Amino acid sequence: MSRPDFSGLCRMADAELEELFGSSRGPDPGSLAGCEWRGFNTPWFTAALGIRKFIKGFFRGDGGVEGYNIPVRQNGLDGAWEHKPCGEAPKRFGFFLVDRVDPGSVDDRYPDALLLDYGASVRNAWYRAERVLRDYVVAPDPDNPDLLIGKAYVALGAVRIPSNFFILERLKPTAWKP
């Protein structure tokens, strides 16, 4: 099976993404730091919620690699990834810690993936809805480190409820840190 590009992955059916996701491994966490990635949530309902497109950024924090999200204009898959105006700088929210999956843990769904754990970040207030998110990320093409597939889950105690797939592609370098 040939490895598609960003647009091709964004248009794939969930069953195809699941097959590709399950046969892929997570990238080195350090390879993500210092970059922002354009992101696309694949389900139709994310367009209705105004969250289909987003930017996800990664930086080196005190305890390792961390990340954040930036809301962007919802102008279609072929439109530019432009942050929504929020003063001079983009709004960064939905912080997470990046790590390998801990074998035997409640989040041990995909042992070869990276885990983006929103609940583990002290940068999210206790009452923020994003604290229940857990994302798994893999690189579907070992020869293309700039393209990733993510799978989001909602964490309710020890229960993990699958939410959706999302696609990431390296967008630009960033030096931003909190």
Protein backbone atom coordinates (compact mmCIF):
# COMPACT_ATOMS: atom_id res chain seq x y z
CA MET A 1 0.00 0.00 0.00
CA SER A 2 1.43 3.38 -0.98
CA ARG A 3 1.72 6.01 1.72
CA PRO A 4 -0.54 8.98 0.90
CA ASP A 5 0.20 12.63 1.47
CA PHE A 6 -1.51 14.96 3.95
CA SER A 7 -4.60 15.56 1.79
CA GLY A 8 -4.91 11.87 1.00
CA LEU A 9 -4.84 10.93 4.67
CA CYS A 10 -7.41 13.63 5.50
CA ARG A 11 -9.80 12.04 3.00
CA MET A 12 -9.32 8.41 4.10
CA ALA A 13 -12.09 6.42 5.73
CA ASP A 14 -11.71 5.51 9.40
CA ALA A 15 -11.20 1.82 8.59
CA GLU A 16 -8.26 2.67 6.30
CA LEU A 17 -6.78 5.04 8.90
CA GLU A 18 -7.16 2.38 11.60
CA GLU A 19 -5.27 -0.17 9.51
CA LEU A 20 -2.47 2.28 8.74
CA PHE A 21 -2.39 3.54 12.34
CA GLY A 22 -2.09 0.03 13.77
CA SER A 23 0.87 -0.83 11.56
CA SER A 24 2.82 2.37 12.32
CA ARG A 25 5.14 3.49 15.12
CA GLY A 26 5.34 6.73 17.03
CA PRO A 27 8.09 9.20 16.15
CA ASP A 28 10.89 10.20 18.50
CA PRO A 29 9.35 12.82 20.84
CA GLY A 30 12.37 15.10 20.41
CA SER A 31 11.80 15.27 16.65
CA LEU A 32 8.52 17.11 17.25
CA ALA A 33 9.90 19.88 19.50
CA GLY A 34 10.46 23.31 18.00
CA CYS A 35 7.80 22.94 15.31
CA GLU A 36 4.17 23.71 14.71
CA TRP A 37 2.07 21.27 12.72
CA ARG A 38 -1.06 21.87 10.70
CA GLY A 39 -3.82 19.57 11.86
CA PHE A 40 -7.08 18.29 10.43
CA ASN A 41 -9.76 16.38 12.34
CA THR A 42 -11.26 13.86 9.90
CA PRO A 43 -14.91 13.48 11.05
CA TRP A 44 -17.59 15.67 9.50
CA PHE A 45 -18.93 16.78 12.90
CA THR A 46 -15.71 18.64 13.70
CA ALA A 47 -16.52 21.05 10.87
CA ALA A 48 -19.90 21.75 12.50
CA LEU A 49 -18.11 22.39 15.82
CA GLY A 50 -15.60 24.75 14.18
CA ILE A 51 -12.60 22.59 15.17
CA ARG A 52 -11.83 20.71 11.98
CA LYS A 53 -8.59 22.61 11.34
CA PHE A 54 -6.06 23.47 14.05
CA ILE A 55 -2.36 23.95 14.71
CA LYS A 56 -0.51 21.78 17.20
CA GLY A 57 2.87 22.99 18.48
CA PHE A 58 5.63 21.20 20.40
CA PHE A 59 8.38 22.58 22.65
CA ARG A 60 10.95 21.35 25.13
CA GLY A 61 9.70 21.92 28.66
CA ASP A 62 11.41 21.29 31.98
CA GLY A 63 10.31 17.64 32.09
CA GLY A 64 10.57 16.79 28.39
CA VAL A 65 8.55 17.54 25.28
CA GLU A 66 5.24 19.36 25.72
CA GLY A 67 2.70 20.81 23.34
CA TYR A 68 -0.27 23.07 22.76
CA ASN A 69 -3.06 23.79 20.28
CA ILE A 70 -3.89 26.96 18.34
CA PRO A 71 -7.36 27.61 16.86
CA VAL A 72 -7.31 28.48 13.16
CA ARG A 73 -9.68 29.86 10.54
CA GLN A 74 -12.00 27.15 9.25
CA ASN A 75 -11.51 27.79 5.55
CA GLY A 76 -11.45 24.28 4.11
CA LEU A 77 -8.75 21.69 3.60
CA ASP A 78 -7.15 23.65 0.77
CA GLY A 79 -7.17 26.99 2.63
CA ALA A 80 -4.17 28.35 4.53
CA TRP A 81 -3.64 27.46 8.21
CA GLU A 82 -4.01 30.94 9.77
CA HIS A 83 -4.52 31.39 13.49
CA LYS A 84 -7.70 33.12 14.61
CA PRO A 85 -7.01 36.69 15.68
CA CYS A 86 -6.44 37.02 19.42
CA GLY A 87 -4.41 40.20 19.75
CA GLU A 88 -0.94 40.07 18.22
CA ALA A 89 -0.07 36.47 19.12
CA PRO A 90 -2.05 33.29 18.50
CA LYS A 91 -4.03 31.84 21.40
CA ARG A 92 -2.31 28.76 22.79
CA PHE A 93 -4.40 26.38 24.87
CA GLY A 94 -5.01 22.66 25.38
CA PHE A 95 -1.53 21.88 26.65
CA PHE A 96 -0.24 18.31 26.85
CA LEU A 97 2.80 16.24 27.78
CA VAL A 98 4.41 14.00 25.15
CA ASP A 99 5.79 10.60 26.08
CA ARG A 100 6.01 6.99 25.07
CA VAL A 101 3.07 4.85 26.15
CA ASP A 102 3.64 3.35 29.61
CA PRO A 103 3.21 -0.44 29.25
CA GLY A 104 0.47 -1.80 31.50
CA SER A 105 -1.03 1.65 32.15
CA VAL A 106 -4.64 2.59 31.51
CA ASP A 107 -3.40 4.40 28.38
CA ASP A 108 -1.69 1.30 26.96
CA ARG A 109 -3.93 1.19 23.86
CA TYR A 110 -1.19 1.55 21.25
CA PRO A 111 2.18 0.59 22.74
CA ASP A 112 4.14 1.71 19.66
CA ALA A 113 2.54 5.19 19.57
CA LEU A 114 3.40 8.43 21.33
CA LEU A 115 0.88 9.62 23.92
CA LEU A 116 -0.19 13.26 24.11
CA ASP A 117 -1.62 13.48 27.63
CA TYR A 118 -3.67 16.63 28.25
CA GLY A 119 -4.56 15.52 31.78
CA ALA A 120 -0.89 15.42 32.81
CA SER A 121 -0.14 19.05 31.90
CA VAL A 122 -0.16 21.50 34.81
CA ARG A 123 -0.70 24.25 32.21
CA ASN A 124 -4.40 23.30 31.89
CA ALA A 125 -6.66 24.46 34.71
CA TRP A 126 -8.42 21.58 36.52
CA TYR A 127 -11.80 22.61 35.11
CA ARG A 128 -10.77 22.76 31.42
CA ALA A 129 -12.54 20.23 29.20
CA GLU A 130 -9.37 19.36 27.29
CA ARG A 131 -7.92 17.68 30.41
CA VAL A 132 -9.89 14.54 29.46
CA LEU A 133 -8.19 14.19 26.07
CA ARG A 134 -5.58 11.53 25.28
CA ASP A 135 -4.12 11.47 21.79
CA TYR A 136 -2.00 8.73 20.26
CA VAL A 137 0.32 9.70 17.40
CA VAL A 138 2.19 7.58 14.84
CA ALA A 139 4.27 8.21 11.71
CA PRO A 140 2.65 6.22 8.88
CA ASP A 141 5.69 6.54 6.60
CA PRO A 142 9.12 6.03 8.22
CA ASP A 143 10.66 7.91 5.28
CA ASN A 144 8.48 10.99 5.91
CA PRO A 145 8.92 12.32 9.48
CA ASP A 146 6.78 15.36 8.61
CA LEU A 147 3.48 13.45 8.41
CA LEU A 148 1.62 11.94 11.38
CA ILE A 149 -1.70 10.25 12.13
CA GLY A 150 -3.36 10.87 15.49
CA LYS A 151 -6.21 9.14 17.25
CA ALA A 152 -8.06 11.01 20.00
CA TYR A 153 -9.72 9.46 23.04
CA VAL A 154 -11.80 10.88 25.88
CA ALA A 155 -10.55 9.71 29.29
CA LEU A 156 -13.22 9.24 31.95
CA GLY A 157 -11.51 7.70 34.96
CA ALA A 158 -10.09 4.37 33.75
CA VAL A 159 -12.38 4.32 30.70
CA ARG A 160 -11.08 5.46 27.29
CA ILE A 161 -13.70 6.35 24.67
CA PRO A 162 -12.48 6.70 21.06
CA SER A 163 -13.28 10.07 19.54
CA ASN A 164 -11.67 10.60 16.14
CA PHE A 165 -8.66 10.49 13.88
CA PHE A 166 -6.64 13.57 12.99
CA ILE A 167 -3.79 14.19 10.58
CA LEU A 168 -0.70 16.32 11.26
CA GLU A 169 1.89 17.73 8.89
CA ARG A 170 4.92 19.79 9.89
CA LEU A 171 4.08 23.43 9.15
CA LYS A 172 6.93 25.65 10.43
CA PRO A 173 9.59 25.99 13.09
CA THR A 174 8.78 27.84 16.31
CA ALA A 175 10.82 29.04 19.26
CA TRP A 176 7.73 29.64 21.42
CA LYS A 177 7.82 28.46 25.03
CA PRO A 178 5.56 29.46 27.92
